[in-house]
Amino acid sequence: MMTLKDAKCGTTVTVTALNGGGAIKRRIMDMGITKGVQIFVRKVAPLGDPVEITVRNYELSIRKADAQNIEVA
């Protein structure tokens, strides 16, 4: 199992599952991150937080704690 937190810069990954409680999962889905969507990992901050991604043609910064709840392939 690989999460978005583990994805390398410059790679495109596909979401396979969303983990976490109801409020966390809902917030992630509200950002447009749903099962099957492709995510391009643009940058990772030097200390790993936040992760800059491109999803559904818009740029988004996501916290490492939230990225850990997103399983990707």
N, C-alpha and C. Protein backbone atom coordinates (compact mmCIF):
# COMPACT_ATOMS: atom_id res chain seq x y z
N MET A 1 0.84 -1.19 0.00
CA MET A 1 0.00 0.00 0.00
C MET A 1 0.88 1.24 0.00
N MET A 2 0.71 2.08 -1.01
CA MET A 2 1.44 3.34 -1.09
C MET A 2 0.45 4.48 -0.91
N THR A 3 0.86 5.50 -0.18
CA THR A 3 0.00 6.66 0.01
C THR A 3 0.56 7.85 -0.76
N LEU A 4 -0.24 8.88 -0.88
CA LEU A 4 0.18 10.09 -1.57
C LEU A 4 1.40 10.70 -0.89
N LYS A 5 1.50 10.51 0.41
CA LYS A 5 2.65 11.02 1.16
C LYS A 5 3.96 10.39 0.67
N ASP A 6 3.91 9.16 0.20
CA ASP A 6 5.10 8.43 -0.24
C ASP A 6 5.44 8.67 -1.72
N ALA A 7 4.55 9.29 -2.48
CA ALA A 7 4.77 9.50 -3.92
C ALA A 7 5.91 10.47 -4.15
N LYS A 8 6.69 10.20 -5.18
CA LYS A 8 7.85 11.03 -5.51
C LYS A 8 7.44 12.23 -6.36
N CYS A 9 8.25 13.29 -6.29
CA CYS A 9 8.03 14.49 -7.10
C CYS A 9 8.08 14.14 -8.58
N GLY A 10 7.20 14.77 -9.35
CA GLY A 10 7.21 14.59 -10.79
C GLY A 10 6.49 13.34 -11.28
N THR A 11 5.84 12.63 -10.38
CA THR A 11 5.12 11.42 -10.79
C THR A 11 3.61 11.68 -10.82
N THR A 12 2.94 10.89 -11.62
CA THR A 12 1.48 10.93 -11.67
C THR A 12 0.97 9.62 -11.09
N VAL A 13 0.06 9.73 -10.13
CA VAL A 13 -0.48 8.55 -9.46
C VAL A 13 -2.00 8.57 -9.58
N THR A 14 -2.61 7.41 -9.37
CA THR A 14 -4.07 7.29 -9.41
C THR A 14 -4.57 6.89 -8.04
N VAL A 15 -5.61 7.57 -7.56
CA VAL A 15 -6.18 7.29 -6.25
C VAL A 15 -6.90 5.94 -6.29
N THR A 16 -6.56 5.06 -5.34
CA THR A 16 -7.22 3.76 -5.27
C THR A 16 -8.19 3.66 -4.10
N ALA A 17 -7.96 4.44 -3.03
CA ALA A 17 -8.85 4.40 -1.88
C ALA A 17 -8.62 5.62 -1.00
N LEU A 18 -9.65 5.98 -0.25
CA LEU A 18 -9.55 7.06 0.74
C LEU A 18 -9.80 6.46 2.11
N ASN A 19 -8.90 6.75 3.04
CA ASN A 19 -9.03 6.26 4.41
C ASN A 19 -9.36 7.43 5.33
N GLY A 20 -9.59 7.13 6.59
CA GLY A 20 -9.85 8.18 7.57
C GLY A 20 -11.31 8.25 7.94
N GLY A 21 -11.58 9.05 8.96
CA GLY A 21 -12.94 9.20 9.47
C GLY A 21 -13.82 10.01 8.53
N GLY A 22 -15.08 10.13 8.90
CA GLY A 22 -16.06 10.79 8.05
C GLY A 22 -15.72 12.21 7.67
N ALA A 23 -15.32 13.06 8.65
CA ALA A 23 -15.03 14.46 8.38
C ALA A 23 -13.77 14.61 7.53
N ILE A 24 -12.77 13.81 7.82
CA ILE A 24 -11.51 13.87 7.06
C ILE A 24 -11.75 13.43 5.63
N LYS A 25 -12.44 12.32 5.48
CA LYS A 25 -12.72 11.78 4.15
C LYS A 25 -13.56 12.77 3.34
N ARG A 26 -14.54 13.40 3.97
CA ARG A 26 -15.41 14.37 3.29
C ARG A 26 -14.60 15.57 2.83
N ARG A 27 -13.67 16.07 3.67
CA ARG A 27 -12.85 17.21 3.29
C ARG A 27 -11.96 16.88 2.09
N ILE A 28 -11.39 15.68 2.09
CA ILE A 28 -10.55 15.26 0.97
C ILE A 28 -11.38 15.17 -0.31
N MET A 29 -12.58 14.61 -0.21
CA MET A 29 -13.45 14.50 -1.38
C MET A 29 -13.91 15.87 -1.86
N ASP A 30 -14.12 16.82 -0.94
CA ASP A 30 -14.52 18.17 -1.31
C ASP A 30 -13.42 18.88 -2.11
N MET A 31 -12.17 18.46 -1.92
CA MET A 31 -11.05 19.03 -2.67
C MET A 31 -10.97 18.44 -4.08
N GLY A 32 -11.83 17.50 -4.41
CA GLY A 32 -11.84 16.90 -5.74
C GLY A 32 -11.04 15.62 -5.84
N ILE A 33 -10.56 15.13 -4.70
CA ILE A 33 -9.78 13.90 -4.69
C ILE A 33 -10.72 12.74 -4.40
N THR A 34 -11.02 11.98 -5.45
CA THR A 34 -11.92 10.84 -5.32
C THR A 34 -11.26 9.61 -5.95
N LYS A 35 -11.82 8.45 -5.70
CA LYS A 35 -11.26 7.21 -6.23
C LYS A 35 -11.21 7.26 -7.75
N GLY A 36 -10.05 6.91 -8.31
CA GLY A 36 -9.89 6.85 -9.75
C GLY A 36 -9.29 8.12 -10.37
N VAL A 37 -9.24 9.22 -9.64
CA VAL A 37 -8.71 10.47 -10.19
C VAL A 37 -7.18 10.42 -10.22
N GLN A 38 -6.60 11.06 -11.24
CA GLN A 38 -5.14 11.11 -11.34
C GLN A 38 -4.61 12.36 -10.65
N ILE A 39 -3.48 12.20 -9.95
CA ILE A 39 -2.85 13.30 -9.23
C ILE A 39 -1.40 13.39 -9.68
N PHE A 40 -0.97 14.61 -10.05
CA PHE A 40 0.42 14.85 -10.39
C PHE A 40 1.08 15.51 -9.18
N VAL A 41 2.16 14.92 -8.69
CA VAL A 41 2.88 15.45 -7.53
C VAL A 41 3.88 16.48 -8.03
N ARG A 42 3.61 17.76 -7.76
CA ARG A 42 4.45 18.86 -8.27
C ARG A 42 5.68 19.07 -7.39
N LYS A 43 5.47 19.26 -6.11
CA LYS A 43 6.58 19.55 -5.20
C LYS A 43 6.28 19.01 -3.83
N VAL A 44 7.37 18.71 -3.11
CA VAL A 44 7.25 18.34 -1.70
C VAL A 44 8.15 19.31 -0.94
N ALA A 45 7.63 19.96 0.08
CA ALA A 45 8.42 20.91 0.87
C ALA A 45 9.62 20.20 1.49
N PRO A 46 10.68 20.94 1.81
CA PRO A 46 11.90 20.32 2.35
C PRO A 46 11.66 19.39 3.55
N LEU A 47 10.75 19.75 4.42
CA LEU A 47 10.47 18.90 5.57
C LEU A 47 9.29 17.96 5.31
N GLY A 48 8.79 17.95 4.08
CA GLY A 48 7.74 17.02 3.70
C GLY A 48 6.33 17.53 3.88
N ASP A 49 6.18 18.74 4.40
CA ASP A 49 4.83 19.25 4.65
C ASP A 49 4.75 20.70 4.22
N PRO A 50 3.92 21.12 3.31
CA PRO A 50 2.89 20.37 2.61
C PRO A 50 3.39 19.77 1.30
N VAL A 51 2.51 19.03 0.64
CA VAL A 51 2.77 18.44 -0.66
C VAL A 51 1.95 19.23 -1.68
N GLU A 52 2.59 19.72 -2.74
CA GLU A 52 1.88 20.45 -3.79
C GLU A 52 1.53 19.48 -4.90
N ILE A 53 0.23 19.45 -5.25
CA ILE A 53 -0.25 18.51 -6.26
C ILE A 53 -1.11 19.25 -7.29
N THR A 54 -1.30 18.60 -8.44
CA THR A 54 -2.25 19.08 -9.43
C THR A 54 -3.30 17.99 -9.58
N VAL A 55 -4.56 18.37 -9.34
CA VAL A 55 -5.67 17.43 -9.44
C VAL A 55 -6.83 18.12 -10.15
N ARG A 56 -7.38 17.46 -11.16
CA ARG A 56 -8.50 18.02 -11.95
C ARG A 56 -8.18 19.41 -12.48
N ASN A 57 -6.96 19.58 -12.99
CA ASN A 57 -6.49 20.83 -13.61
C ASN A 57 -6.42 22.02 -12.65
N TYR A 58 -6.30 21.79 -11.36
CA TYR A 58 -6.01 22.89 -10.46
C TYR A 58 -4.95 22.47 -9.46
N GLU A 59 -4.23 23.48 -8.95
CA GLU A 59 -3.13 23.22 -8.02
C GLU A 59 -3.64 23.27 -6.60
N LEU A 60 -3.08 22.38 -5.78
CA LEU A 60 -3.54 22.22 -4.42
C LEU A 60 -2.37 21.88 -3.53
N SER A 61 -2.35 22.46 -2.33
CA SER A 61 -1.36 22.07 -1.32
C SER A 61 -2.11 21.27 -0.27
N ILE A 62 -1.57 20.13 0.06
CA ILE A 62 -2.24 19.23 1.01
C ILE A 62 -1.27 18.86 2.13
N ARG A 63 -1.79 18.81 3.34
CA ARG A 63 -0.96 18.47 4.49
C ARG A 63 -0.53 17.01 4.43
N LYS A 64 0.62 16.75 5.03
CA LYS A 64 1.15 15.39 5.05
C LYS A 64 0.18 14.44 5.76
N ALA A 65 -0.47 14.92 6.81
CA ALA A 65 -1.42 14.09 7.55
C ALA A 65 -2.61 13.68 6.66
N ASP A 66 -3.06 14.60 5.81
CA ASP A 66 -4.16 14.26 4.89
C ASP A 66 -3.66 13.37 3.76
N ALA A 67 -2.45 13.63 3.26
CA ALA A 67 -1.89 12.83 2.17
C ALA A 67 -1.71 11.38 2.58
N GLN A 68 -1.52 11.15 3.86
CA GLN A 68 -1.34 9.80 4.38
C GLN A 68 -2.63 8.98 4.29
N ASN A 69 -3.77 9.66 4.21
CA ASN A 69 -5.06 8.98 4.12
C ASN A 69 -5.48 8.66 2.70
N ILE A 70 -4.64 9.01 1.71
CA ILE A 70 -4.99 8.81 0.31
C ILE A 70 -4.11 7.70 -0.26
N GLU A 71 -4.69 6.53 -0.54
CA GLU A 71 -3.94 5.42 -1.13
C GLU A 71 -3.87 5.60 -2.63
N VAL A 72 -2.67 5.41 -3.18
CA VAL A 72 -2.46 5.61 -4.62
C VAL A 72 -1.72 4.41 -5.23
N ALA A 73 -1.78 4.34 -6.53
CA ALA A 73 -1.05 3.30 -7.27
C ALA A 73 -0.27 3.95 -8.39
